[in-house]
């Protein structure tokens, strides 16, 4: 899958992971795809949940390492 932007926020914890993801999405155009990389398990659950609540489309949440996840989001709004 091709991503328009990638945000590596390993080392950050909630709620900063969602806030930083949201700020990047606000700079993107509708339809563009953001890949967010986190290494904090609650973020792998909370960021997608919050993105959906904001009206964004979460395409995938994948574990990519022993303690790393990628969250793929398409900007809708």
PDB file of N, CA and C in Angstrom:
ATOM      1  N   UNK A   1       0.847  -1.188   0.000  1.00  0.00           N
ATOM      2  CA  UNK A   1       0.000   0.000   0.000  1.00  0.00           C
ATOM      3  C   UNK A   1       0.886   1.244   0.000  1.00  0.00           C
ATOM      4  N   UNK A   2       0.493   2.225  -0.774  1.00  0.00           N
ATOM      5  CA  UNK A   2       1.231   3.484  -0.851  1.00  0.00           C
ATOM      6  C   UNK A   2       0.673   4.465   0.187  1.00  0.00           C
ATOM      7  N   UNK A   3       1.577   5.132   0.880  1.00  0.00           N
ATOM      8  CA  UNK A   3       1.189   6.114   1.891  1.00  0.00           C
ATOM      9  C   UNK A   3       1.602   7.495   1.414  1.00  0.00           C
ATOM     10  N   UNK A   4       0.773   8.482   1.712  1.00  0.00           N
ATOM     11  CA  UNK A   4       1.126   9.860   1.362  1.00  0.00           C
ATOM     12  C   UNK A   4       2.032  10.485   2.410  1.00  0.00           C
ATOM     13  N   UNK A   5       1.834  10.077   3.655  1.00  0.00           N
ATOM     14  CA  UNK A   5       2.668  10.579   4.759  1.00  0.00           C
ATOM     15  C   UNK A   5       2.894   9.447   5.743  1.00  0.00           C
ATOM     16  N   UNK A   6       4.012   9.539   6.459  1.00  0.00           N
ATOM     17  CA  UNK A   6       4.292   8.571   7.511  1.00  0.00           C
ATOM     18  C   UNK A   6       4.693   9.333   8.767  1.00  0.00           C
ATOM     19  N   UNK A   7       4.154   8.910   9.887  1.00  0.00           N
ATOM     20  CA  UNK A   7       4.439   9.543  11.169  1.00  0.00           C
ATOM     21  C   UNK A   7       4.954   8.468  12.118  1.00  0.00           C
ATOM     22  N   UNK A   8       6.220   8.573  12.484  1.00  0.00           N
ATOM     23  CA  UNK A   8       6.837   7.618  13.413  1.00  0.00           C
ATOM     24  C   UNK A   8       6.860   8.272  14.790  1.00  0.00           C
ATOM     25  N   UNK A   9       5.959   7.810  15.659  1.00  0.00           N
ATOM     26  CA  UNK A   9       5.879   8.400  16.997  1.00  0.00           C
ATOM     27  C   UNK A   9       6.167   7.350  18.072  1.00  0.00           C
ATOM     28  N   UNK A  10       7.096   6.459  17.744  1.00  0.00           N
ATOM     29  CA  UNK A  10       7.555   5.510  18.759  1.00  0.00           C
ATOM     30  C   UNK A  10       8.172   6.303  19.896  1.00  0.00           C
ATOM     31  N   UNK A  11       7.872   5.873  21.105  1.00  0.00           N
ATOM     32  CA  UNK A  11       8.366   6.578  22.278  1.00  0.00           C
ATOM     33  C   UNK A  11       7.335   7.517  22.884  1.00  0.00           C
ATOM     34  N   UNK A  12       6.298   7.857  22.132  1.00  0.00           N
ATOM     35  CA  UNK A  12       5.234   8.722  22.646  1.00  0.00           C
ATOM     36  C   UNK A  12       4.102   7.860  23.212  1.00  0.00           C
ATOM     37  N   UNK A  13       3.351   8.437  24.137  1.00  0.00           N
ATOM     38  CA  UNK A  13       2.232   7.737  24.766  1.00  0.00           C
ATOM     39  C   UNK A  13       0.958   8.556  24.588  1.00  0.00           C
ATOM     40  N   UNK A  14      -0.173   7.922  24.883  1.00  0.00           N
ATOM     41  CA  UNK A  14      -1.474   8.601  24.816  1.00  0.00           C
ATOM     42  C   UNK A  14      -1.508   9.723  25.846  1.00  0.00           C
ATOM     43  N   UNK A  15      -2.142  10.827  25.586  1.00  0.00           N
ATOM     44  CA  UNK A  15      -2.918  11.153  24.394  1.00  0.00           C
ATOM     45  C   UNK A  15      -2.097  11.799  23.287  1.00  0.00           C
ATOM     46  N   UNK A  16      -0.775  11.915  23.490  1.00  0.00           N
ATOM     47  CA  UNK A  16       0.061  12.609  22.519  1.00  0.00           C
ATOM     48  C   UNK A  16       0.086  11.914  21.164  1.00  0.00           C
ATOM     49  N   UNK A  17      -0.036  10.580  21.159  1.00  0.00           N
ATOM     50  CA  UNK A  17      -0.016   9.860  19.886  1.00  0.00           C
ATOM     51  C   UNK A  17      -1.210  10.256  19.021  1.00  0.00           C
ATOM     52  N   UNK A  18      -2.378  10.386  19.617  1.00  0.00           N
ATOM     53  CA  UNK A  18      -3.550  10.801  18.842  1.00  0.00           C
ATOM     54  C   UNK A  18      -3.432  12.258  18.418  1.00  0.00           C
ATOM     55  N   UNK A  19      -3.011  13.115  19.334  1.00  0.00           N
ATOM     56  CA  UNK A  19      -2.906  14.541  19.028  1.00  0.00           C
ATOM     57  C   UNK A  19      -1.941  14.766  17.861  1.00  0.00           C
ATOM     58  N   UNK A  20      -0.788  14.126  17.900  1.00  0.00           N
ATOM     59  CA  UNK A  20       0.192  14.296  16.822  1.00  0.00           C
ATOM     60  C   UNK A  20      -0.346  13.741  15.505  1.00  0.00           C
ATOM     61  N   UNK A  21      -1.032  12.605  15.562  1.00  0.00           N
ATOM     62  CA  UNK A  21      -1.619  12.021  14.352  1.00  0.00           C
ATOM     63  C   UNK A  21      -2.669  12.952  13.761  1.00  0.00           C
ATOM     64  N   UNK A  22      -3.498  13.506  14.608  1.00  0.00           N
ATOM     65  CA  UNK A  22      -4.568  14.411  14.164  1.00  0.00           C
ATOM     66  C   UNK A  22      -3.982  15.664  13.512  1.00  0.00           C
ATOM     67  N   UNK A  23      -2.914  16.201  14.103  1.00  0.00           N
ATOM     68  CA  UNK A  23      -2.288  17.402  13.545  1.00  0.00           C
ATOM     69  C   UNK A  23      -1.728  17.142  12.150  1.00  0.00           C
ATOM     70  N   UNK A  24      -1.136  15.991  11.936  1.00  0.00           N
ATOM     71  CA  UNK A  24      -0.619  15.660  10.609  1.00  0.00           C
ATOM     72  C   UNK A  24      -1.773  15.495   9.624  1.00  0.00           C
ATOM     73  N   UNK A  25      -2.833  14.815  10.033  1.00  0.00           N
ATOM     74  CA  UNK A  25      -3.996  14.637   9.150  1.00  0.00           C
ATOM     75  C   UNK A  25      -4.599  15.973   8.741  1.00  0.00           C
ATOM     76  N   UNK A  26      -4.594  16.938   9.639  1.00  0.00           N
ATOM     77  CA  UNK A  26      -5.167  18.254   9.323  1.00  0.00           C
ATOM     78  C   UNK A  26      -4.403  18.940   8.195  1.00  0.00           C
ATOM     79  N   UNK A  27      -3.149  18.582   7.994  1.00  0.00           N
ATOM     80  CA  UNK A  27      -2.327  19.182   6.932  1.00  0.00           C
ATOM     81  C   UNK A  27      -2.482  18.442   5.603  1.00  0.00           C
ATOM     82  N   UNK A  28      -3.170  17.318   5.624  1.00  0.00           N
ATOM     83  CA  UNK A  28      -3.299  16.478   4.436  1.00  0.00           C
ATOM     84  C   UNK A  28      -4.602  16.764   3.688  1.00  0.00           C
ATOM     85  N   UNK A  29      -4.641  16.318   2.434  1.00  0.00           N
ATOM     86  CA  UNK A  29      -5.829  16.475   1.601  1.00  0.00           C
ATOM     87  C   UNK A  29      -6.758  15.279   1.789  1.00  0.00           C
ATOM     88  N   UNK A  30      -8.047  15.490   1.557  1.00  0.00           N
ATOM     89  CA  UNK A  30      -9.010  14.383   1.619  1.00  0.00           C
ATOM     90  C   UNK A  30      -8.575  13.276   0.674  1.00  0.00           C
ATOM     91  N   UNK A  31      -8.710  12.038   1.158  1.00  0.00           N
ATOM     92  CA  UNK A  31      -8.342  10.886   0.348  1.00  0.00           C
ATOM     93  C   UNK A  31      -6.913  10.429   0.533  1.00  0.00           C
ATOM     94  N   UNK A  32      -6.059  11.276   1.112  1.00  0.00           N
ATOM     95  CA  UNK A  32      -4.676  10.876   1.329  1.00  0.00           C
ATOM     96  C   UNK A  32      -4.583   9.891   2.490  1.00  0.00           C
ATOM     97  N   UNK A  33      -3.512   9.104   2.478  1.00  0.00           N
ATOM     98  CA  UNK A  33      -3.334   8.044   3.469  1.00  0.00           C
ATOM     99  C   UNK A  33      -2.128   8.323   4.351  1.00  0.00           C
ATOM    100  N   UNK A  34      -2.352   8.184   5.649  1.00  0.00           N
ATOM    101  CA  UNK A  34      -1.316   8.393   6.663  1.00  0.00           C
ATOM    102  C   UNK A  34      -0.990   7.067   7.324  1.00  0.00           C
ATOM    103  N   UNK A  35       0.294   6.772   7.441  1.00  0.00           N
ATOM    104  CA  UNK A  35       0.762   5.599   8.188  1.00  0.00           C
ATOM    105  C   UNK A  35       1.382   6.110   9.485  1.00  0.00           C
ATOM    106  N   UNK A  36       0.850   5.643  10.600  1.00  0.00           N
ATOM    107  CA  UNK A  36       1.340   6.035  11.924  1.00  0.00           C
ATOM    108  C   UNK A  36       1.990   4.810  12.559  1.00  0.00           C
ATOM    109  N   UNK A  37       3.202   4.969  13.074  1.00  0.00           N
ATOM    110  CA  UNK A  37       3.904   3.877  13.741  1.00  0.00           C
ATOM    111  C   UNK A  37       4.006   4.210  15.225  1.00  0.00           C
ATOM    112  N   UNK A  38       3.515   3.287  16.053  1.00  0.00           N
ATOM    113  CA  UNK A  38       3.540   3.469  17.509  1.00  0.00           C
ATOM    114  C   UNK A  38       4.162   2.235  18.165  1.00  0.00           C
ATOM    115  N   UNK A  39       4.639   2.428  19.395  1.00  0.00           N
ATOM    116  CA  UNK A  39       5.191   1.298  20.143  1.00  0.00           C
ATOM    117  C   UNK A  39       4.617   1.220  21.555  1.00  0.00           C
ATOM    118  N   UNK A  40       3.441   1.793  21.705  1.00  0.00           N
ATOM    119  CA  UNK A  40       2.746   1.820  22.993  1.00  0.00           C
ATOM    120  C   UNK A  40       1.396   1.157  22.762  1.00  0.00           C
ATOM    121  N   UNK A  41       1.198  -0.027  23.347  1.00  0.00           N
ATOM    122  CA  UNK A  41       0.005  -0.835  23.064  1.00  0.00           C
ATOM    123  C   UNK A  41      -1.308  -0.053  23.187  1.00  0.00           C
ATOM    124  N   UNK A  42      -1.518   0.741  24.245  1.00  0.00           N
ATOM    125  CA  UNK A  42      -2.779   1.497  24.306  1.00  0.00           C
ATOM    126  C   UNK A  42      -2.984   2.428  23.098  1.00  0.00           C
ATOM    127  N   UNK A  43      -1.902   2.949  22.540  1.00  0.00           N
ATOM    128  CA  UNK A  43      -2.023   3.812  21.356  1.00  0.00           C
ATOM    129  C   UNK A  43      -2.520   3.031  20.155  1.00  0.00           C
ATOM    130  N   UNK A  44      -2.113   1.765  20.047  1.00  0.00           N
ATOM    131  CA  UNK A  44      -2.555   0.938  18.931  1.00  0.00           C
ATOM    132  C   UNK A  44      -4.055   0.689  18.989  1.00  0.00           C
ATOM    133  N   UNK A  45      -4.639   0.854  20.163  1.00  0.00           N
ATOM    134  CA  UNK A  45      -6.087   0.708  20.322  1.00  0.00           C
ATOM    135  C   UNK A  45      -6.787   2.066  20.315  1.00  0.00           C
ATOM    136  N   UNK A  46      -6.211   3.038  21.011  1.00  0.00           N
ATOM    137  CA  UNK A  46      -6.869   4.336  21.190  1.00  0.00           C
ATOM    138  C   UNK A  46      -6.803   5.237  19.961  1.00  0.00           C
ATOM    139  N   UNK A  47      -5.678   5.235  19.252  1.00  0.00           N
ATOM    140  CA  UNK A  47      -5.572   6.102  18.070  1.00  0.00           C
ATOM    141  C   UNK A  47      -6.615   5.713  17.016  1.00  0.00           C
ATOM    142  N   UNK A  48      -6.729   4.425  16.639  1.00  0.00           N
ATOM    143  CA  UNK A  48      -7.769   4.082  15.657  1.00  0.00           C
ATOM    144  C   UNK A  48      -9.177   4.420  16.141  1.00  0.00           C
ATOM    145  N   UNK A  49      -9.447   4.152  17.412  1.00  0.00           N
ATOM    146  CA  UNK A  49     -10.768   4.461  17.967  1.00  0.00           C
ATOM    147  C   UNK A  49     -11.063   5.952  17.854  1.00  0.00           C
ATOM    148  N   UNK A  50     -10.106   6.776  18.242  1.00  0.00           N
ATOM    149  CA  UNK A  50     -10.290   8.232  18.186  1.00  0.00           C
ATOM    150  C   UNK A  50     -10.395   8.727  16.755  1.00  0.00           C
ATOM    151  N   UNK A  51      -9.632   8.127  15.845  1.00  0.00           N
ATOM    152  CA  UNK A  51      -9.714   8.517  14.428  1.00  0.00           C
ATOM    153  C   UNK A  51     -11.104   8.237  13.874  1.00  0.00           C
ATOM    154  N   UNK A  52     -11.643   7.077  14.210  1.00  0.00           N
ATOM    155  CA  UNK A  52     -13.006   6.747  13.754  1.00  0.00           C
ATOM    156  C   UNK A  52     -14.015   7.732  14.325  1.00  0.00           C
ATOM    157  N   UNK A  53     -13.856   8.084  15.599  1.00  0.00           N
ATOM    158  CA  UNK A  53     -14.770   9.049  16.230  1.00  0.00           C
ATOM    159  C   UNK A  53     -14.684  10.415  15.563  1.00  0.00           C
ATOM    160  N   UNK A  54     -13.519  10.737  15.006  1.00  0.00           N
ATOM    161  CA  UNK A  54     -13.320  12.013  14.304  1.00  0.00           C
ATOM    162  C   UNK A  54     -13.848  11.950  12.867  1.00  0.00           C
ATOM    163  N   UNK A  55     -14.300  10.761  12.445  1.00  0.00           N
ATOM    164  CA  UNK A  55     -14.851  10.622  11.103  1.00  0.00           C
ATOM    165  C   UNK A  55     -13.848  10.183  10.057  1.00  0.00           C
ATOM    166  N   UNK A  56     -12.651   9.777  10.466  1.00  0.00           N
ATOM    167  CA  UNK A  56     -11.641   9.305   9.524  1.00  0.00           C
ATOM    168  C   UNK A  56     -11.821   7.811   9.282  1.00  0.00           C
ATOM    169  N   UNK A  57     -11.245   7.320   8.203  1.00  0.00           N
ATOM    170  CA  UNK A  57     -11.353   5.902   7.850  1.00  0.00           C
ATOM    171  C   UNK A  57     -10.072   5.167   8.235  1.00  0.00           C
ATOM    172  N   UNK A  58     -10.180   4.260   9.164  1.00  0.00           N
ATOM    173  CA  UNK A  58      -9.035   3.447   9.571  1.00  0.00           C
ATOM    174  C   UNK A  58      -9.006   2.226   8.663  1.00  0.00           C
ATOM    175  N   UNK A  59      -7.971   2.134   7.848  1.00  0.00           N
ATOM    176  CA  UNK A  59      -7.866   1.057   6.872  1.00  0.00           C
ATOM    177  C   UNK A  59      -7.274  -0.210   7.488  1.00  0.00           C
ATOM    178  N   UNK A  60      -6.350  -0.037   8.449  1.00  0.00           N
ATOM    179  CA  UNK A  60      -5.710  -1.213   9.044  1.00  0.00           C
ATOM    180  C   UNK A  60      -4.967  -0.833  10.313  1.00  0.00           C
ATOM    181  N   UNK A  61      -4.854  -1.822  11.185  1.00  0.00           N
ATOM    182  CA  UNK A  61      -3.978  -1.739  12.352  1.00  0.00           C
ATOM    183  C   UNK A  61      -3.221  -3.061  12.364  1.00  0.00           C
ATOM    184  N   UNK A  62      -1.914  -2.988  12.161  1.00  0.00           N
ATOM    185  CA  UNK A  62      -1.108  -4.201  12.049  1.00  0.00           C
ATOM    186  C   UNK A  62       0.046  -4.182  13.037  1.00  0.00           C
ATOM    187  N   UNK A  63       0.276  -5.291  13.682  1.00  0.00           N
ATOM    188  CA  UNK A  63       1.458  -5.417  14.528  1.00  0.00           C
ATOM    189  C   UNK A  63       2.629  -5.695  13.593  1.00  0.00           C
ATOM    190  N   UNK A  64       3.669  -4.873  13.682  1.00  0.00           N
ATOM    191  CA  UNK A  64       4.804  -4.985  12.757  1.00  0.00           C
ATOM    192  C   UNK A  64       6.097  -5.372  13.467  1.00  0.00           C
ATOM    193  N   UNK A  65       6.017  -5.549  14.775  1.00  0.00           N
ATOM    194  CA  UNK A  65       7.167  -5.965  15.569  1.00  0.00           C
ATOM    195  C   UNK A  65       6.658  -6.492  16.888  1.00  0.00           C
ATOM    196  N   UNK A  66       7.566  -6.871  17.754  1.00  0.00           N
ATOM    197  CA  UNK A  66       7.130  -7.430  19.034  1.00  0.00           C
ATOM    198  C   UNK A  66       6.344  -6.418  19.857  1.00  0.00           C
ATOM    199  N   UNK A  67       6.658  -5.148  19.691  1.00  0.00           N
ATOM    200  CA  UNK A  67       5.909  -4.112  20.411  1.00  0.00           C
ATOM    201  C   UNK A  67       5.754  -2.870  19.542  1.00  0.00           C
ATOM    202  N   UNK A  68       5.484  -3.072  18.256  1.00  0.00           N
ATOM    203  CA  UNK A  68       5.270  -1.966  17.330  1.00  0.00           C
ATOM    204  C   UNK A  68       4.062  -2.256  16.447  1.00  0.00           C
ATOM    205  N   UNK A  69       3.311  -1.200  16.174  1.00  0.00           N
ATOM    206  CA  UNK A  69       2.108  -1.305  15.348  1.00  0.00           C
ATOM    207  C   UNK A  69       2.108  -0.202  14.313  1.00  0.00           C
ATOM    208  N   UNK A  70       1.469  -0.486  13.174  1.00  0.00           N
ATOM    209  CA  UNK A  70       1.207   0.555  12.184  1.00  0.00           C
ATOM    210  C   UNK A  70      -0.295   0.749  12.116  1.00  0.00           C
ATOM    211  N   UNK A  71      -0.677   2.003  12.036  1.00  0.00           N
ATOM    212  CA  UNK A  71      -2.080   2.379  11.923  1.00  0.00           C
ATOM    213  C   UNK A  71      -2.208   3.122  10.593  1.00  0.00           C
ATOM    214  N   UNK A  72      -3.048   2.618   9.724  1.00  0.00           N
ATOM    215  CA  UNK A  72      -3.215   3.206   8.388  1.00  0.00           C
ATOM    216  C   UNK A  72      -4.565   3.917   8.355  1.00  0.00           C
ATOM    217  N   UNK A  73      -4.526   5.219   8.066  1.00  0.00           N
ATOM    218  CA  UNK A  73      -5.733   6.049   8.109  1.00  0.00           C
ATOM    219  C   UNK A  73      -5.886   6.810   6.806  1.00  0.00           C
ATOM    220  N   UNK A  74      -7.099   6.806   6.248  1.00  0.00           N
ATOM    221  CA  UNK A  74      -7.417   7.649   5.087  1.00  0.00           C
ATOM    222  C   UNK A  74      -8.185   8.852   5.585  1.00  0.00           C
ATOM    223  N   UNK A  75      -7.734  10.028   5.158  1.00  0.00           N
ATOM    224  CA  UNK A  75      -8.422  11.252   5.560  1.00  0.00           C
ATOM    225  C   UNK A  75      -9.744  11.352   4.807  1.00  0.00           C
ATOM    226  N   UNK A  76     -10.824  11.485   5.564  1.00  0.00           N
ATOM    227  CA  UNK A  76     -12.154  11.618   4.996  1.00  0.00           C
ATOM    228  C   UNK A  76     -12.650  13.039   5.154  1.00  0.00           C
ATOM    229  N   UNK A  77     -12.397  13.612   6.309  1.00  0.00           N
ATOM    230  CA  UNK A  77     -12.888  14.973   6.611  1.00  0.00           C
ATOM    231  C   UNK A  77     -11.751  15.961   6.610  1.00  0.00           C
TER     232      UNK A  77
END
